[in-house]
N, C-alpha and C. Protein backbone atom coordinates (compact mmCIF):
# COMPACT_ATOMS: atom_id res chain seq x y z
N MET A 1 82.94 73.06 125.39
CA MET A 1 81.71 72.62 124.73
C MET A 1 81.92 72.45 123.23
N VAL A 2 82.61 73.41 122.63
CA VAL A 2 82.86 73.36 121.19
C VAL A 2 83.74 72.15 120.85
N GLU A 3 84.71 71.86 121.73
CA GLU A 3 85.59 70.72 121.49
C GLU A 3 84.81 69.41 121.48
N LYS A 4 83.87 69.27 122.39
CA LYS A 4 83.04 68.06 122.44
C LYS A 4 82.16 67.96 121.20
N LEU A 5 81.64 69.09 120.76
CA LEU A 5 80.81 69.10 119.56
C LEU A 5 81.64 68.72 118.34
N ASN A 6 82.84 69.26 118.23
CA ASN A 6 83.72 68.91 117.12
C ASN A 6 84.03 67.42 117.12
N TRP A 7 84.33 66.89 118.29
CA TRP A 7 84.64 65.46 118.39
C TRP A 7 83.43 64.63 117.99
N LEU A 8 82.25 65.04 118.42
CA LEU A 8 81.03 64.30 118.09
C LEU A 8 80.76 64.32 116.58
N VAL A 9 80.95 65.47 115.96
CA VAL A 9 80.75 65.58 114.50
C VAL A 9 81.77 64.69 113.80
N TRP A 10 83.03 64.71 114.25
CA TRP A 10 84.07 63.87 113.66
C TRP A 10 83.68 62.41 113.77
N LEU A 11 83.23 62.00 114.95
CA LEU A 11 82.83 60.61 115.18
C LEU A 11 81.68 60.21 114.27
N ILE A 12 80.69 61.07 114.13
CA ILE A 12 79.55 60.77 113.26
C ILE A 12 80.00 60.62 111.82
N LEU A 13 80.91 61.50 111.37
CA LEU A 13 81.42 61.39 110.00
C LEU A 13 82.20 60.10 109.78
N VAL A 14 82.98 59.70 110.76
CA VAL A 14 83.72 58.43 110.64
C VAL A 14 82.75 57.25 110.59
N ILE A 15 81.73 57.28 111.43
CA ILE A 15 80.73 56.20 111.43
C ILE A 15 79.99 56.17 110.10
N LEU A 16 79.60 57.33 109.59
CA LEU A 16 78.92 57.38 108.29
C LEU A 16 79.82 56.83 107.18
N TRP A 17 81.10 57.15 107.24
CA TRP A 17 82.05 56.62 106.26
C TRP A 17 82.08 55.08 106.34
N ASN A 18 82.16 54.55 107.56
CA ASN A 18 82.27 53.10 107.72
C ASN A 18 81.01 52.38 107.26
N TYR A 19 79.85 52.96 107.52
CA TYR A 19 78.61 52.32 107.07
C TYR A 19 78.31 52.63 105.61
N GLY A 20 78.75 53.77 105.12
CA GLY A 20 78.50 54.13 103.73
C GLY A 20 79.40 53.40 102.76
N PHE A 21 80.58 53.03 103.22
CA PHE A 21 81.54 52.33 102.37
C PHE A 21 82.05 51.09 103.10
N PRO A 22 81.19 50.09 103.26
CA PRO A 22 81.60 48.90 104.02
C PRO A 22 82.70 48.09 103.33
N GLU A 23 82.86 48.26 102.03
CA GLU A 23 83.87 47.51 101.30
C GLU A 23 85.25 48.16 101.38
N ALA A 24 85.35 49.31 102.06
CA ALA A 24 86.63 50.01 102.21
C ALA A 24 87.60 49.16 103.04
N THR A 25 88.86 49.22 102.65
CA THR A 25 89.89 48.48 103.39
C THR A 25 90.19 49.20 104.70
N PRO A 26 90.80 48.50 105.65
CA PRO A 26 91.18 49.15 106.91
C PRO A 26 92.12 50.35 106.67
N LEU A 27 92.99 50.25 105.69
CA LEU A 27 93.88 51.36 105.38
C LEU A 27 93.09 52.59 104.92
N GLN A 28 92.07 52.38 104.11
CA GLN A 28 91.22 53.49 103.68
C GLN A 28 90.46 54.08 104.87
N ASP A 29 90.01 53.24 105.78
CA ASP A 29 89.32 53.73 106.98
C ASP A 29 90.24 54.63 107.81
N VAL A 30 91.47 54.20 108.00
CA VAL A 30 92.43 54.99 108.76
C VAL A 30 92.73 56.30 108.02
N PHE A 31 92.91 56.22 106.71
CA PHE A 31 93.21 57.40 105.90
C PHE A 31 92.10 58.44 106.04
N VAL A 32 90.86 58.02 105.92
CA VAL A 32 89.72 58.95 106.03
C VAL A 32 89.65 59.53 107.44
N ALA A 33 89.88 58.73 108.46
CA ALA A 33 89.84 59.24 109.83
C ALA A 33 90.93 60.29 110.04
N VAL A 34 92.12 60.05 109.49
CA VAL A 34 93.22 61.02 109.62
C VAL A 34 92.89 62.30 108.86
N ILE A 35 92.37 62.18 107.66
CA ILE A 35 91.99 63.36 106.86
C ILE A 35 90.93 64.18 107.60
N LEU A 36 89.94 63.52 108.16
CA LEU A 36 88.91 64.23 108.92
C LEU A 36 89.51 64.91 110.14
N SER A 37 90.43 64.24 110.81
CA SER A 37 91.08 64.85 111.98
C SER A 37 91.86 66.10 111.58
N LEU A 38 92.62 66.00 110.49
CA LEU A 38 93.37 67.16 110.02
C LEU A 38 92.44 68.30 109.62
N LEU A 39 91.32 67.96 109.00
CA LEU A 39 90.34 68.98 108.61
C LEU A 39 89.81 69.71 109.84
N PHE A 40 89.51 68.97 110.90
CA PHE A 40 89.00 69.60 112.11
C PHE A 40 90.08 70.40 112.82
N ILE A 41 91.34 69.98 112.73
CA ILE A 41 92.44 70.77 113.31
C ILE A 41 92.57 72.09 112.56
N ILE A 42 92.48 72.04 111.23
CA ILE A 42 92.56 73.26 110.42
C ILE A 42 91.41 74.20 110.75
N ILE A 43 90.21 73.65 110.89
CA ILE A 43 89.05 74.47 111.25
C ILE A 43 89.26 75.12 112.61
N LYS A 44 89.81 74.36 113.56
CA LYS A 44 90.07 74.91 114.90
C LYS A 44 91.09 76.05 114.82
N LEU A 45 92.16 75.87 114.04
CA LEU A 45 93.16 76.93 113.89
C LEU A 45 92.58 78.18 113.24
N MET A 46 91.77 77.98 112.21
CA MET A 46 91.15 79.12 111.53
C MET A 46 90.21 79.86 112.47
N ARG A 47 89.46 79.10 113.27
CA ARG A 47 88.53 79.71 114.22
C ARG A 47 89.29 80.51 115.27
N SER A 48 90.40 79.96 115.78
CA SER A 48 91.16 80.68 116.80
C SER A 48 91.82 81.94 116.23
N ARG A 49 92.30 81.88 115.00
CA ARG A 49 92.88 83.08 114.37
C ARG A 49 91.82 84.14 114.15
N TYR A 50 90.62 83.71 113.74
CA TYR A 50 89.53 84.64 113.51
C TYR A 50 89.13 85.32 114.82
N LEU A 51 89.02 84.53 115.88
CA LEU A 51 88.67 85.10 117.18
C LEU A 51 89.76 86.01 117.69
N HIS A 52 91.01 85.66 117.46
CA HIS A 52 92.13 86.52 117.87
C HIS A 52 92.08 87.84 117.12
N LYS A 53 91.74 87.78 115.84
CA LYS A 53 91.65 88.99 115.03
C LYS A 53 90.54 89.90 115.55
N ILE A 54 89.42 89.32 115.90
CA ILE A 54 88.30 90.10 116.40
C ILE A 54 88.64 90.75 117.74
N THR A 55 89.27 90.00 118.64
CA THR A 55 89.59 90.57 119.96
C THR A 55 90.67 91.64 119.85
N SER A 56 91.61 91.48 118.93
CA SER A 56 92.65 92.51 118.79
C SER A 56 92.06 93.78 118.18
N ARG A 57 91.08 93.65 117.31
CA ARG A 57 90.43 94.84 116.76
C ARG A 57 89.65 95.58 117.82
N SER A 58 88.97 94.83 118.68
CA SER A 58 88.16 95.48 119.71
C SER A 58 89.03 96.18 120.75
N LYS A 59 90.26 95.70 120.96
CA LYS A 59 91.17 96.36 121.90
C LYS A 59 91.68 97.69 121.34
N ASN A 60 91.81 97.78 120.02
CA ASN A 60 92.31 98.99 119.40
C ASN A 60 91.27 100.11 119.35
N LYS A 61 90.01 99.72 119.36
CA LYS A 61 88.94 100.73 119.31
C LYS A 61 88.67 101.25 120.71
N ILE A 62 88.51 102.54 120.82
CA ILE A 62 88.21 103.13 122.13
C ILE A 62 86.94 103.94 122.04
């Protein structure tokens, strides 16, 4: 579910970029899409590390 939500947010941001900056070149469009993708990958990694940290702490507590 979270993956679909992330993809939907990414898509909305790309669409907003395309309509907000119609004079942007195709290269700029691709650049922004790649930057947004990398940003969402980083967010996913940070979220998974945070969740891993929480679960490892809960295993240590008895």
